[in-house]
Amino acid sequence: MGDTMKHVLAILIATLALAGCFNTVPATAVHQPMSVRPELKDAGAANNGAIFNVASSRPLFEDRRARFVGDTLTINIAEKTQASKKSDTKAERTQAMDVSVPSVVNLPFKGAQGMTLGLDSSSKFGGTGQNTSSNDFISTITVMVIDVYPNGNLLVSGEKQLGLKDGEEFIRFSGVVNPYTITGANTVQSTQVADARMEFKANGFLDSSQVMGWLSRVFLSVLPF
């Protein structure tokens, strides 16, 4: 195999590797895992009827709200944040100094007597900064109970994937839910979830084109200018 063919193969392999990087799943910061299998119940002696099933039964007066590991819960994400910051700093300093040479008798440097020296210095500093941010996140996602704390609170986590023409979008959510905030429809508002972590990410080529390459980041962090 000639050197030219080797170079072509190397370029093809590198291109395929880079193409595979564009389709990788974005990293996440939500609680893991995002799905679990329900815990097995101690069914005892199986005594199933025409409708009653021991393995999937619940008490007669128990509703369908999430309370066990593996149960599902719908989160209504309605987040709206707005923040504004403005700062203005000014500093000014002025200094003046005058020095006079006294009369000099029987000492060298007689020619400098009577001379007056003056020194003036001033410095001024001014800084202004302003930052405004506004974010809206409206969505609905069904998550799964992955853990039940000793006090009854539920740790939930889940992911929704949307496959589009030019890539995939990922909606992720996790947090700690107080069972008393769950409605009769088995839903809860995201504003009532503690330690809430929500993400909206994508892995299409449009998102990849907006990310600085690793080589550029290296030079940006190393070069002093």
N, C-alpha and C. Protein backbone atom coordinates (compact mmCIF):
# COMPACT_ATOMS: atom_id res chain seq x y z
N MET A 1 0.85 -1.20 0.00
CA MET A 1 0.00 0.00 0.00
C MET A 1 0.88 1.24 0.00
N GLY A 2 0.64 2.14 -0.95
CA GLY A 2 1.46 3.33 -1.07
C GLY A 2 1.22 4.32 0.03
N ASP A 3 2.15 5.31 0.12
CA ASP A 3 2.02 6.32 1.16
C ASP A 3 0.77 7.17 0.94
N THR A 4 0.45 7.42 -0.33
CA THR A 4 -0.74 8.25 -0.61
C THR A 4 -2.01 7.58 -0.10
N MET A 5 -2.12 6.26 -0.33
CA MET A 5 -3.29 5.53 0.14
C MET A 5 -3.37 5.53 1.66
N LYS A 6 -2.23 5.41 2.31
CA LYS A 6 -2.21 5.44 3.78
C LYS A 6 -2.70 6.78 4.30
N HIS A 7 -2.28 7.86 3.64
CA HIS A 7 -2.72 9.18 4.07
C HIS A 7 -4.22 9.35 3.89
N VAL A 8 -4.74 8.82 2.78
CA VAL A 8 -6.18 8.92 2.53
C VAL A 8 -6.96 8.16 3.58
N LEU A 9 -6.49 6.94 3.92
CA LEU A 9 -7.18 6.15 4.94
C LEU A 9 -7.13 6.84 6.29
N ALA A 10 -5.99 7.44 6.61
CA ALA A 10 -5.87 8.15 7.89
C ALA A 10 -6.84 9.30 7.97
N ILE A 11 -7.01 10.03 6.84
CA ILE A 11 -7.94 11.16 6.82
C ILE A 11 -9.38 10.67 6.97
N LEU A 12 -9.70 9.55 6.31
CA LEU A 12 -11.05 9.00 6.42
C LEU A 12 -11.36 8.55 7.84
N ILE A 13 -10.39 7.89 8.49
CA ILE A 13 -10.60 7.45 9.86
C ILE A 13 -10.79 8.63 10.80
N ALA A 14 -9.98 9.67 10.61
CA ALA A 14 -10.12 10.86 11.45
C ALA A 14 -11.46 11.54 11.23
N THR A 15 -11.91 11.57 9.97
CA THR A 15 -13.20 12.19 9.67
C THR A 15 -14.35 11.43 10.31
N LEU A 16 -14.28 10.08 10.24
CA LEU A 16 -15.33 9.27 10.86
C LEU A 16 -15.34 9.45 12.38
N ALA A 17 -14.14 9.55 12.95
CA ALA A 17 -14.06 9.74 14.40
C ALA A 17 -14.68 11.07 14.81
N LEU A 18 -14.39 12.12 14.02
CA LEU A 18 -14.95 13.43 14.33
C LEU A 18 -16.46 13.42 14.13
N ALA A 19 -16.92 12.72 13.10
CA ALA A 19 -18.36 12.64 12.87
C ALA A 19 -19.05 11.92 14.01
N GLY A 20 -18.40 10.92 14.57
CA GLY A 20 -18.97 10.21 15.70
C GLY A 20 -19.05 11.08 16.93
N CYS A 21 -18.13 12.04 17.07
CA CYS A 21 -18.16 12.93 18.22
C CYS A 21 -19.40 13.81 18.20
N PHE A 22 -19.90 14.16 17.00
CA PHE A 22 -21.06 15.03 16.91
C PHE A 22 -22.32 14.33 17.38
N ASN A 23 -22.34 13.01 17.41
CA ASN A 23 -23.54 12.27 17.78
C ASN A 23 -23.49 11.73 19.20
N THR A 24 -22.52 12.14 19.97
CA THR A 24 -22.41 11.67 21.33
C THR A 24 -23.50 12.30 22.20
N VAL A 25 -23.88 11.59 23.24
CA VAL A 25 -24.91 12.09 24.14
C VAL A 25 -24.31 13.16 25.04
N PRO A 26 -24.93 14.32 25.16
CA PRO A 26 -24.38 15.38 26.01
C PRO A 26 -24.29 14.94 27.47
N ALA A 27 -23.27 15.41 28.14
CA ALA A 27 -23.10 15.09 29.56
C ALA A 27 -24.24 15.69 30.37
N THR A 28 -24.50 15.08 31.53
CA THR A 28 -25.63 15.53 32.35
C THR A 28 -25.20 15.74 33.79
N ALA A 29 -25.99 16.56 34.50
CA ALA A 29 -25.73 16.83 35.92
C ALA A 29 -26.89 16.41 36.79
N VAL A 30 -27.89 15.71 36.22
CA VAL A 30 -29.04 15.29 37.02
C VAL A 30 -28.69 14.06 37.83
N HIS A 31 -29.52 13.75 38.81
CA HIS A 31 -29.27 12.61 39.68
C HIS A 31 -29.36 11.31 38.87
N GLN A 32 -28.50 10.39 39.20
CA GLN A 32 -28.44 9.11 38.50
C GLN A 32 -28.89 7.98 39.43
N PRO A 33 -29.42 6.88 38.91
CA PRO A 33 -29.76 6.67 37.49
C PRO A 33 -31.05 7.39 37.14
N MET A 34 -31.39 7.44 35.85
CA MET A 34 -32.60 8.13 35.43
C MET A 34 -33.78 7.18 35.25
N SER A 35 -33.56 5.89 35.48
CA SER A 35 -34.65 4.92 35.48
C SER A 35 -34.22 3.71 36.29
N VAL A 36 -35.17 3.08 36.97
CA VAL A 36 -34.90 1.91 37.79
C VAL A 36 -36.06 0.93 37.64
N ARG A 37 -35.81 -0.31 38.02
CA ARG A 37 -36.87 -1.30 38.04
C ARG A 37 -37.56 -1.27 39.40
N PRO A 38 -38.87 -1.44 39.44
CA PRO A 38 -39.58 -1.42 40.73
C PRO A 38 -39.08 -2.53 41.65
N GLU A 39 -39.15 -2.27 42.94
CA GLU A 39 -38.74 -3.28 43.91
C GLU A 39 -39.75 -4.42 43.93
N LEU A 40 -39.24 -5.63 44.09
CA LEU A 40 -40.10 -6.81 44.14
C LEU A 40 -40.84 -6.85 45.47
N LYS A 41 -42.10 -7.14 45.41
CA LYS A 41 -42.91 -7.22 46.62
C LYS A 41 -42.94 -8.66 47.13
N ASP A 42 -43.05 -8.77 48.44
CA ASP A 42 -43.18 -10.09 49.05
C ASP A 42 -44.64 -10.53 48.91
N ALA A 43 -44.89 -11.30 47.86
CA ALA A 43 -46.27 -11.65 47.54
C ALA A 43 -46.82 -12.72 48.48
N GLY A 44 -45.95 -13.47 49.09
CA GLY A 44 -46.43 -14.56 49.94
C GLY A 44 -47.10 -15.62 49.09
N ALA A 45 -48.10 -16.19 49.63
CA ALA A 45 -48.82 -17.22 48.87
C ALA A 45 -49.67 -16.56 47.80
N ALA A 46 -49.42 -16.92 46.56
CA ALA A 46 -50.16 -16.33 45.46
C ALA A 46 -51.61 -16.77 45.51
N ASN A 47 -52.50 -15.79 45.54
CA ASN A 47 -53.92 -16.09 45.57
C ASN A 47 -54.63 -15.10 44.65
N ASN A 48 -54.29 -15.19 43.38
CA ASN A 48 -54.83 -14.27 42.40
C ASN A 48 -56.28 -14.61 42.06
N GLY A 49 -57.04 -13.56 41.79
CA GLY A 49 -58.42 -13.76 41.38
C GLY A 49 -58.62 -13.34 39.95
N ALA A 50 -59.86 -13.16 39.55
CA ALA A 50 -60.14 -12.75 38.19
C ALA A 50 -59.66 -11.33 37.92
N ILE A 51 -59.71 -10.46 38.91
CA ILE A 51 -59.26 -9.07 38.77
C ILE A 51 -58.06 -8.80 39.66
N PHE A 52 -58.07 -9.32 40.86
CA PHE A 52 -57.00 -9.05 41.83
C PHE A 52 -55.74 -9.80 41.45
N ASN A 53 -54.60 -9.08 41.52
CA ASN A 53 -53.30 -9.68 41.26
C ASN A 53 -52.38 -9.31 42.40
N VAL A 54 -51.79 -10.29 43.06
CA VAL A 54 -50.97 -10.04 44.24
C VAL A 54 -49.76 -9.20 43.91
N ALA A 55 -49.12 -9.46 42.79
CA ALA A 55 -47.85 -8.80 42.47
C ALA A 55 -48.02 -7.31 42.20
N SER A 56 -49.18 -6.88 41.68
CA SER A 56 -49.36 -5.48 41.31
C SER A 56 -50.48 -4.80 42.09
N SER A 57 -50.90 -5.38 43.18
CA SER A 57 -52.03 -4.82 43.92
C SER A 57 -51.59 -3.66 44.80
N ARG A 58 -52.57 -2.83 45.12
CA ARG A 58 -52.38 -1.75 46.07
C ARG A 58 -53.57 -1.75 47.03
N PRO A 59 -53.39 -1.19 48.22
CA PRO A 59 -54.52 -1.15 49.15
C PRO A 59 -55.74 -0.49 48.54
N LEU A 60 -56.91 -0.86 49.05
CA LEU A 60 -58.16 -0.41 48.46
C LEU A 60 -58.30 1.10 48.48
N PHE A 61 -57.84 1.76 49.56
CA PHE A 61 -58.02 3.20 49.69
C PHE A 61 -56.75 3.97 49.32
N GLU A 62 -55.85 3.36 48.61
CA GLU A 62 -54.61 4.03 48.20
C GLU A 62 -54.76 4.53 46.78
N ASP A 63 -54.42 5.82 46.56
CA ASP A 63 -54.54 6.38 45.21
C ASP A 63 -53.31 6.01 44.38
N ARG A 64 -53.24 6.55 43.17
CA ARG A 64 -52.17 6.19 42.25
C ARG A 64 -51.03 7.20 42.26
N ARG A 65 -50.91 7.95 43.32
CA ARG A 65 -49.78 8.89 43.41
C ARG A 65 -48.49 8.13 43.62
N ALA A 66 -47.39 8.70 43.08
CA ALA A 66 -46.08 8.05 43.21
C ALA A 66 -45.64 8.03 44.66
N ARG A 67 -45.16 6.87 45.11
CA ARG A 67 -44.65 6.76 46.48
C ARG A 67 -43.61 5.65 46.63
N PHE A 68 -43.47 4.78 45.63
CA PHE A 68 -42.53 3.69 45.72
C PHE A 68 -41.47 3.82 44.63
N VAL A 69 -40.33 3.15 44.84
CA VAL A 69 -39.29 3.11 43.81
C VAL A 69 -39.85 2.47 42.55
N GLY A 70 -39.66 3.13 41.44
CA GLY A 70 -40.18 2.64 40.17
C GLY A 70 -41.47 3.29 39.74
N ASP A 71 -42.16 4.00 40.66
CA ASP A 71 -43.37 4.72 40.29
C ASP A 71 -43.02 5.93 39.42
N THR A 72 -43.96 6.34 38.59
CA THR A 72 -43.74 7.48 37.72
C THR A 72 -44.49 8.70 38.24
N LEU A 73 -43.98 9.87 37.89
CA LEU A 73 -44.53 11.14 38.35
C LEU A 73 -44.33 12.17 37.24
N THR A 74 -45.35 12.95 36.97
CA THR A 74 -45.27 13.97 35.92
C THR A 74 -44.87 15.31 36.52
N ILE A 75 -43.85 15.92 35.94
CA ILE A 75 -43.34 17.21 36.39
C ILE A 75 -43.76 18.27 35.39
N ASN A 76 -44.44 19.30 35.87
CA ASN A 76 -44.77 20.46 35.04
C ASN A 76 -43.66 21.50 35.22
N ILE A 77 -42.78 21.57 34.24
CA ILE A 77 -41.66 22.52 34.32
C ILE A 77 -42.15 23.89 33.88
N ALA A 78 -42.12 24.82 34.80
CA ALA A 78 -42.52 26.20 34.52
C ALA A 78 -41.55 27.12 35.25
N GLU A 79 -40.36 27.27 34.68
CA GLU A 79 -39.29 28.05 35.31
C GLU A 79 -39.12 29.36 34.56
N LYS A 80 -39.05 30.42 35.30
CA LYS A 80 -38.82 31.75 34.73
C LYS A 80 -37.87 32.49 35.67
N THR A 81 -36.71 32.82 35.17
CA THR A 81 -35.71 33.54 35.98
C THR A 81 -35.33 34.83 35.28
N GLN A 82 -35.13 35.85 36.08
CA GLN A 82 -34.71 37.14 35.56
C GLN A 82 -33.82 37.80 36.60
N ALA A 83 -32.66 38.20 36.16
CA ALA A 83 -31.69 38.83 37.08
C ALA A 83 -31.02 40.00 36.37
N SER A 84 -30.70 41.01 37.15
CA SER A 84 -30.05 42.20 36.61
C SER A 84 -29.04 42.72 37.62
N LYS A 85 -27.89 43.10 37.13
CA LYS A 85 -26.83 43.60 37.99
C LYS A 85 -26.14 44.78 37.30
N LYS A 86 -25.91 45.84 38.06
CA LYS A 86 -25.27 47.02 37.51
C LYS A 86 -24.34 47.60 38.56
N SER A 87 -23.14 47.93 38.15
CA SER A 87 -22.15 48.50 39.08
C SER A 87 -21.42 49.65 38.41
N ASP A 88 -21.07 50.64 39.21
CA ASP A 88 -20.34 51.82 38.73
C ASP A 88 -19.33 52.21 39.79
N THR A 89 -18.08 52.19 39.44
CA THR A 89 -17.00 52.46 40.39
C THR A 89 -16.13 53.60 39.86
N LYS A 90 -15.84 54.55 40.74
CA LYS A 90 -14.96 55.66 40.38
C LYS A 90 -13.99 55.91 41.54
N ALA A 91 -12.75 56.17 41.18
CA ALA A 91 -11.72 56.49 42.17
C ALA A 91 -10.79 57.55 41.60
N GLU A 92 -10.43 58.51 42.43
CA GLU A 92 -9.57 59.60 41.95
C GLU A 92 -8.64 60.02 43.08
N ARG A 93 -7.40 60.27 42.72
CA ARG A 93 -6.41 60.65 43.72
C ARG A 93 -5.47 61.70 43.13
N THR A 94 -5.23 62.78 43.88
CA THR A 94 -4.34 63.86 43.45
C THR A 94 -3.36 64.17 44.58
N GLN A 95 -2.09 64.34 44.22
CA GLN A 95 -1.05 64.60 45.22
C GLN A 95 -0.09 65.66 44.69
N ALA A 96 0.28 66.61 45.54
CA ALA A 96 1.22 67.67 45.18
C ALA A 96 2.26 67.83 46.28
N MET A 97 3.50 68.07 45.89
CA MET A 97 4.58 68.22 46.87
C MET A 97 5.57 69.26 46.38
N ASP A 98 5.94 70.18 47.27
CA ASP A 98 6.93 71.22 46.97
C ASP A 98 8.10 71.08 47.93
N VAL A 99 9.32 71.17 47.41
CA VAL A 99 10.55 71.06 48.21
C VAL A 99 11.45 72.24 47.87
N SER A 100 11.93 72.92 48.91
CA SER A 100 12.84 74.06 48.73
C SER A 100 14.19 73.72 49.34
N VAL A 101 15.26 74.10 48.68
CA VAL A 101 16.62 73.86 49.18
C VAL A 101 17.02 75.05 50.06
N PRO A 102 17.36 74.84 51.34
CA PRO A 102 17.73 75.96 52.22
C PRO A 102 19.13 76.49 51.87
N SER A 103 19.50 77.54 52.61
CA SER A 103 20.82 78.13 52.37
C SER A 103 21.91 77.15 52.78
N VAL A 104 22.93 77.07 51.97
CA VAL A 104 24.02 76.14 52.23
C VAL A 104 25.28 76.94 52.57
N VAL A 105 25.88 76.71 53.76
CA VAL A 105 27.05 77.43 54.22
C VAL A 105 28.19 76.45 54.42
N ASN A 106 29.30 76.75 53.74
CA ASN A 106 30.51 75.93 53.86
C ASN A 106 30.26 74.46 53.52
N LEU A 107 29.35 74.23 52.64
CA LEU A 107 29.06 72.87 52.18
C LEU A 107 29.00 72.86 50.66
N PRO A 108 29.21 71.72 50.07
CA PRO A 108 29.11 71.68 48.60
C PRO A 108 27.67 71.92 48.14
N PHE A 109 27.50 71.99 46.85
CA PHE A 109 26.20 72.23 46.21
C PHE A 109 25.61 73.57 46.59
N LYS A 110 26.50 74.60 46.74
CA LYS A 110 25.98 75.93 47.07
C LYS A 110 25.11 76.47 45.95
N GLY A 111 25.39 76.03 44.73
CA GLY A 111 24.61 76.56 43.60
C GLY A 111 23.15 76.15 43.63
N ALA A 112 22.79 75.14 44.46
CA ALA A 112 21.41 74.68 44.50
C ALA A 112 20.57 75.39 45.53
N GLN A 113 21.20 76.30 46.35
CA GLN A 113 20.43 76.93 47.40
C GLN A 113 19.39 77.88 46.80
N GLY A 114 18.24 77.88 47.46
CA GLY A 114 17.14 78.72 46.99
C GLY A 114 16.30 78.06 45.89
N MET A 115 16.70 76.89 45.44
CA MET A 115 15.95 76.22 44.37
C MET A 115 14.70 75.56 44.93
N THR A 116 13.65 75.60 44.19
CA THR A 116 12.38 74.99 44.59
C THR A 116 12.03 73.85 43.64
N LEU A 117 11.71 72.73 44.22
CA LEU A 117 11.34 71.55 43.43
C LEU A 117 9.86 71.26 43.66
N GLY A 118 9.18 70.92 42.61
CA GLY A 118 7.75 70.60 42.72
C GLY A 118 7.45 69.24 42.08
N LEU A 119 6.50 68.55 42.69
CA LEU A 119 6.11 67.23 42.20
C LEU A 119 4.58 67.10 42.27
N ASP A 120 4.00 66.81 41.17
CA ASP A 120 2.55 66.62 41.10
C ASP A 120 2.25 65.23 40.53
N SER A 121 1.27 64.58 41.11
CA SER A 121 0.85 63.28 40.60
C SER A 121 -0.66 63.14 40.77
N SER A 122 -1.26 62.48 39.83
CA SER A 122 -2.71 62.26 39.90
C SER A 122 -3.05 60.93 39.23
N SER A 123 -4.05 60.29 39.74
CA SER A 123 -4.51 59.03 39.16
C SER A 123 -6.03 59.00 39.21
N LYS A 124 -6.61 58.40 38.22
CA LYS A 124 -8.06 58.33 38.12
C LYS A 124 -8.47 56.97 37.57
N PHE A 125 -9.49 56.41 38.18
CA PHE A 125 -9.98 55.10 37.75
C PHE A 125 -11.50 55.13 37.67
N GLY A 126 -12.01 54.56 36.63
CA GLY A 126 -13.45 54.48 36.47
C GLY A 126 -13.85 53.14 35.86
N GLY A 127 -14.83 52.48 36.42
CA GLY A 127 -15.28 51.19 35.91
C GLY A 127 -16.79 51.09 35.93
N THR A 128 -17.34 50.55 34.88
CA THR A 128 -18.79 50.40 34.77
C THR A 128 -19.10 49.01 34.25
N GLY A 129 -20.05 48.33 34.86
CA GLY A 129 -20.45 47.00 34.42
C GLY A 129 -21.95 46.81 34.56
N GLN A 130 -22.52 46.03 33.64
CA GLN A 130 -23.95 45.77 33.67
C GLN A 130 -24.21 44.38 33.09
N ASN A 131 -25.05 43.62 33.76
CA ASN A 131 -25.37 42.26 33.32
C ASN A 131 -26.85 42.00 33.53
N THR A 132 -27.52 41.53 32.49
CA THR A 132 -28.95 41.22 32.56
C THR A 132 -29.19 39.86 31.91
N SER A 133 -29.93 39.01 32.60
CA SER A 133 -30.23 37.69 32.07
C SER A 133 -31.70 37.37 32.30
N SER A 134 -32.29 36.66 31.35
CA SER A 134 -33.68 36.26 31.44
C SER A 134 -33.83 34.90 30.78
N ASN A 135 -34.47 33.94 31.48
CA ASN A 135 -34.61 32.58 30.96
C ASN A 135 -36.01 32.07 31.22
N ASP A 136 -36.56 31.37 30.23
CA ASP A 136 -37.85 30.71 30.34
C ASP A 136 -37.69 29.25 29.95
N PHE A 137 -38.24 28.35 30.77
CA PHE A 137 -38.17 26.91 30.49
C PHE A 137 -39.55 26.34 30.80
N ILE A 138 -40.30 26.04 29.76
CA ILE A 138 -41.65 25.52 29.90
C ILE A 138 -41.70 24.14 29.22
N SER A 139 -42.06 23.12 29.97
CA SER A 139 -42.14 21.78 29.40
C SER A 139 -42.85 20.86 30.39
N THR A 140 -43.07 19.63 29.96
CA THR A 140 -43.66 18.59 30.80
C THR A 140 -42.86 17.31 30.59
N ILE A 141 -42.50 16.66 31.68
CA ILE A 141 -41.72 15.43 31.59
C ILE A 141 -42.17 14.48 32.71
N THR A 142 -42.25 13.22 32.37
CA THR A 142 -42.59 12.20 33.36
C THR A 142 -41.31 11.52 33.85
N VAL A 143 -41.09 11.55 35.14
CA VAL A 143 -39.87 11.01 35.74
C VAL A 143 -40.22 9.78 36.57
N MET A 144 -39.19 9.12 37.07
CA MET A 144 -39.37 7.90 37.84
C MET A 144 -38.77 8.06 39.22
N VAL A 145 -39.40 7.49 40.21
CA VAL A 145 -38.87 7.50 41.58
C VAL A 145 -37.69 6.53 41.63
N ILE A 146 -36.50 7.05 41.94
CA ILE A 146 -35.32 6.19 42.00
C ILE A 146 -34.88 5.91 43.43
N ASP A 147 -35.47 6.65 44.41
CA ASP A 147 -35.12 6.38 45.80
C ASP A 147 -36.18 7.03 46.69
N VAL A 148 -36.42 6.40 47.84
CA VAL A 148 -37.34 6.94 48.84
C VAL A 148 -36.55 7.20 50.11
N TYR A 149 -36.51 8.44 50.55
CA TYR A 149 -35.75 8.82 51.73
C TYR A 149 -36.48 8.36 52.99
N PRO A 150 -35.75 8.26 54.11
CA PRO A 150 -36.40 7.82 55.37
C PRO A 150 -37.57 8.69 55.80
N ASN A 151 -37.56 9.97 55.44
CA ASN A 151 -38.66 10.86 55.83
C ASN A 151 -39.82 10.82 54.85
N GLY A 152 -39.72 9.98 53.81
CA GLY A 152 -40.80 9.84 52.85
C GLY A 152 -40.63 10.64 51.58
N ASN A 153 -39.68 11.56 51.53
CA ASN A 153 -39.46 12.32 50.31
C ASN A 153 -38.96 11.40 49.19
N LEU A 154 -39.28 11.78 47.96
CA LEU A 154 -38.97 10.96 46.80
C LEU A 154 -37.89 11.61 45.97
N LEU A 155 -36.86 10.85 45.65
CA LEU A 155 -35.83 11.31 44.71
C LEU A 155 -36.24 10.83 43.33
N VAL A 156 -36.51 11.76 42.43
CA VAL A 156 -36.99 11.41 41.09
C VAL A 156 -35.98 11.86 40.05
N SER A 157 -35.99 11.18 38.91
CA SER A 157 -35.09 11.52 37.82
C SER A 157 -35.66 10.95 36.54
N GLY A 158 -35.44 11.64 35.43
CA GLY A 158 -35.94 11.15 34.16
C GLY A 158 -35.38 11.94 32.99
N GLU A 159 -35.58 11.38 31.81
CA GLU A 159 -35.06 11.98 30.58
C GLU A 159 -36.06 11.78 29.46
N LYS A 160 -36.16 12.77 28.59
CA LYS A 160 -36.99 12.68 27.40
C LYS A 160 -36.11 13.00 26.19
N GLN A 161 -36.09 12.12 25.21
CA GLN A 161 -35.29 12.31 24.00
C GLN A 161 -36.21 12.59 22.83
N LEU A 162 -35.85 13.61 22.07
CA LEU A 162 -36.59 13.98 20.87
C LEU A 162 -35.67 13.86 19.67
N GLY A 163 -35.96 12.92 18.78
CA GLY A 163 -35.15 12.73 17.59
C GLY A 163 -35.64 13.62 16.46
N LEU A 164 -34.81 14.56 16.07
CA LEU A 164 -35.15 15.49 15.00
C LEU A 164 -34.31 15.19 13.76
N LYS A 165 -34.56 15.90 12.70
CA LYS A 165 -33.88 15.64 11.44
C LYS A 165 -32.39 15.89 11.55
N ASP A 166 -32.01 16.93 12.24
CA ASP A 166 -30.60 17.33 12.31
C ASP A 166 -29.95 17.00 13.64
N GLY A 167 -30.52 16.09 14.40
CA GLY A 167 -29.91 15.71 15.66
C GLY A 167 -30.96 15.27 16.66
N GLU A 168 -30.57 15.23 17.92
CA GLU A 168 -31.45 14.82 19.00
C GLU A 168 -31.44 15.88 20.09
N GLU A 169 -32.58 16.03 20.73
CA GLU A 169 -32.70 16.95 21.86
C GLU A 169 -33.01 16.15 23.11
N PHE A 170 -32.44 16.57 24.24
CA PHE A 170 -32.56 15.87 25.51
C PHE A 170 -33.13 16.82 26.55
N ILE A 171 -34.24 16.41 27.15
CA ILE A 171 -34.83 17.14 28.27
C ILE A 171 -34.66 16.25 29.50
N ARG A 172 -33.99 16.76 30.51
CA ARG A 172 -33.68 15.97 31.70
C ARG A 172 -34.11 16.72 32.95
N PHE A 173 -34.54 15.96 33.94
CA PHE A 173 -35.01 16.57 35.20
C PHE A 173 -34.76 15.61 36.34
N SER A 174 -34.40 16.16 37.49
CA SER A 174 -34.27 15.36 38.71
C SER A 174 -34.43 16.29 39.91
N GLY A 175 -34.79 15.71 41.04
CA GLY A 175 -34.94 16.50 42.25
C GLY A 175 -35.64 15.70 43.33
N VAL A 176 -35.87 16.35 44.46
CA VAL A 176 -36.49 15.73 45.62
C VAL A 176 -37.91 16.27 45.77
N VAL A 177 -38.89 15.37 45.78
CA VAL A 177 -40.30 15.74 45.81
C VAL A 177 -40.90 15.37 47.16
N ASN A 178 -41.62 16.33 47.74
CA ASN A 178 -42.40 16.06 48.95
C ASN A 178 -43.72 15.43 48.52
N PRO A 179 -44.06 14.23 49.00
CA PRO A 179 -45.29 13.57 48.55
C PRO A 179 -46.54 14.41 48.76
N TYR A 180 -46.53 15.33 49.74
CA TYR A 180 -47.72 16.13 50.01
C TYR A 180 -47.97 17.18 48.93
N THR A 181 -46.98 17.46 48.08
CA THR A 181 -47.16 18.43 47.00
C THR A 181 -47.66 17.77 45.72
N ILE A 182 -47.77 16.46 45.70
CA ILE A 182 -48.24 15.76 44.50
C ILE A 182 -49.76 15.87 44.44
N THR A 183 -50.28 16.27 43.30
CA THR A 183 -51.72 16.45 43.12
C THR A 183 -52.39 15.10 42.90
N GLY A 184 -53.73 15.12 42.88
CA GLY A 184 -54.48 13.89 42.64
C GLY A 184 -54.25 13.32 41.26
N ALA A 185 -53.79 14.17 40.31
CA ALA A 185 -53.48 13.72 38.95
C ALA A 185 -52.05 13.21 38.84
N ASN A 186 -51.38 13.05 39.99
CA ASN A 186 -50.00 12.55 40.03
C ASN A 186 -49.04 13.50 39.30
N THR A 187 -49.20 14.79 39.53
CA THR A 187 -48.33 15.80 38.96
C THR A 187 -47.81 16.71 40.06
N VAL A 188 -46.72 17.40 39.76
CA VAL A 188 -46.15 18.36 40.71
C VAL A 188 -45.45 19.45 39.90
N GLN A 189 -45.47 20.66 40.42
CA GLN A 189 -44.81 21.79 39.76
C GLN A 189 -43.32 21.75 40.04
N SER A 190 -42.53 22.14 39.05
CA SER A 190 -41.08 22.14 39.23
C SER A 190 -40.63 23.10 40.31
N THR A 191 -41.43 24.15 40.56
CA THR A 191 -41.07 25.12 41.60
C THR A 191 -41.22 24.54 43.00
N GLN A 192 -41.88 23.38 43.12
CA GLN A 192 -42.06 22.74 44.42
C GLN A 192 -41.07 21.60 44.63
N VAL A 193 -40.11 21.44 43.75
CA VAL A 193 -39.14 20.36 43.83
C VAL A 193 -37.84 20.90 44.41
N ALA A 194 -37.33 20.22 45.43
CA ALA A 194 -36.06 20.62 46.04
C ALA A 194 -34.88 20.02 45.25
N ASP A 195 -33.76 20.73 45.31
CA ASP A 195 -32.54 20.27 44.61
C ASP A 195 -32.86 19.94 43.16
N ALA A 196 -33.67 20.79 42.54
CA ALA A 196 -34.10 20.54 41.16
C ALA A 196 -32.95 20.77 40.19
N ARG A 197 -32.80 19.84 39.27
CA ARG A 197 -31.79 19.95 38.22
C ARG A 197 -32.49 19.67 36.89
N MET A 198 -32.50 20.65 36.01
CA MET A 198 -33.17 20.49 34.73
C MET A 198 -32.26 20.94 33.60
N GLU A 199 -32.35 20.24 32.49
CA GLU A 199 -31.46 20.51 31.36
C GLU A 199 -32.25 20.43 30.06
N PHE A 200 -31.81 21.21 29.10
CA PHE A 200 -32.30 21.11 27.73
C PHE A 200 -31.07 21.19 26.83
N LYS A 201 -30.67 20.05 26.29
CA LYS A 201 -29.45 19.97 25.50
C LYS A 201 -29.74 19.26 24.18
N ALA A 202 -28.80 19.42 23.24
CA ALA A 202 -28.92 18.78 21.94
C ALA A 202 -27.54 18.36 21.47
N ASN A 203 -27.52 17.44 20.49
CA ASN A 203 -26.24 16.95 19.96
C ASN A 203 -26.17 17.07 18.45
N GLY A 204 -26.95 17.97 17.84
CA GLY A 204 -26.90 18.16 16.40
C GLY A 204 -25.68 18.96 15.98
N PHE A 205 -25.51 19.06 14.64
CA PHE A 205 -24.34 19.77 14.14
C PHE A 205 -24.43 21.27 14.41
N LEU A 206 -25.65 21.80 14.56
CA LEU A 206 -25.79 23.21 14.87
C LEU A 206 -25.23 23.51 16.26
N ASP A 207 -25.49 22.62 17.21
CA ASP A 207 -24.97 22.82 18.56
C ASP A 207 -23.46 22.61 18.59
N SER A 208 -22.96 21.64 17.81
CA SER A 208 -21.53 21.39 17.78
C SER A 208 -20.77 22.57 17.17
N SER A 209 -21.40 23.25 16.20
CA SER A 209 -20.72 24.37 15.55
C SER A 209 -20.57 25.57 16.47
N GLN A 210 -21.35 25.61 17.55
CA GLN A 210 -21.27 26.72 18.49
C GLN A 210 -20.32 26.46 19.64
N VAL A 211 -19.67 25.30 19.64
CA VAL A 211 -18.74 24.94 20.71
C VAL A 211 -17.32 25.12 20.20
N MET A 212 -16.50 25.81 20.99
CA MET A 212 -15.10 26.02 20.62
C MET A 212 -14.35 24.70 20.64
N GLY A 213 -13.52 24.45 19.63
CA GLY A 213 -12.74 23.23 19.56
C GLY A 213 -11.74 23.11 20.69
N TRP A 214 -11.35 21.85 20.96
CA TRP A 214 -10.45 21.63 22.10
C TRP A 214 -9.09 22.26 21.87
N LEU A 215 -8.60 22.30 20.61
CA LEU A 215 -7.30 22.91 20.35
C LEU A 215 -7.35 24.41 20.57
N SER A 216 -8.46 25.02 20.16
CA SER A 216 -8.60 26.47 20.40
C SER A 216 -8.68 26.77 21.88
N ARG A 217 -9.36 25.90 22.65
CA ARG A 217 -9.44 26.12 24.10
C ARG A 217 -8.08 26.01 24.75
N VAL A 218 -7.23 25.08 24.25
CA VAL A 218 -5.88 24.93 24.81
C VAL A 218 -5.08 26.20 24.58
N PHE A 219 -5.10 26.71 23.34
CA PHE A 219 -4.34 27.92 23.06
C PHE A 219 -4.91 29.11 23.83
N LEU A 220 -6.22 29.15 23.99
CA LEU A 220 -6.82 30.27 24.70
C LEU A 220 -6.43 30.29 26.17
N SER A 221 -6.27 29.10 26.76
CA SER A 221 -5.91 29.01 28.18
C SER A 221 -4.43 29.15 28.42
N VAL A 222 -3.59 28.90 27.39
CA VAL A 222 -2.14 28.93 27.56
C VAL A 222 -1.55 30.27 27.16
N LEU A 223 -2.00 30.81 26.03
CA LEU A 223 -1.42 32.05 25.55
C LEU A 223 -1.76 33.21 26.47
N PRO A 224 -0.82 34.11 26.76
CA PRO A 224 -1.04 35.19 27.71
C PRO A 224 -1.83 36.36 27.13
N PHE A 225 -2.07 36.38 25.82
CA PHE A 225 -2.76 37.52 25.23
C PHE A 225 -4.08 37.11 24.61
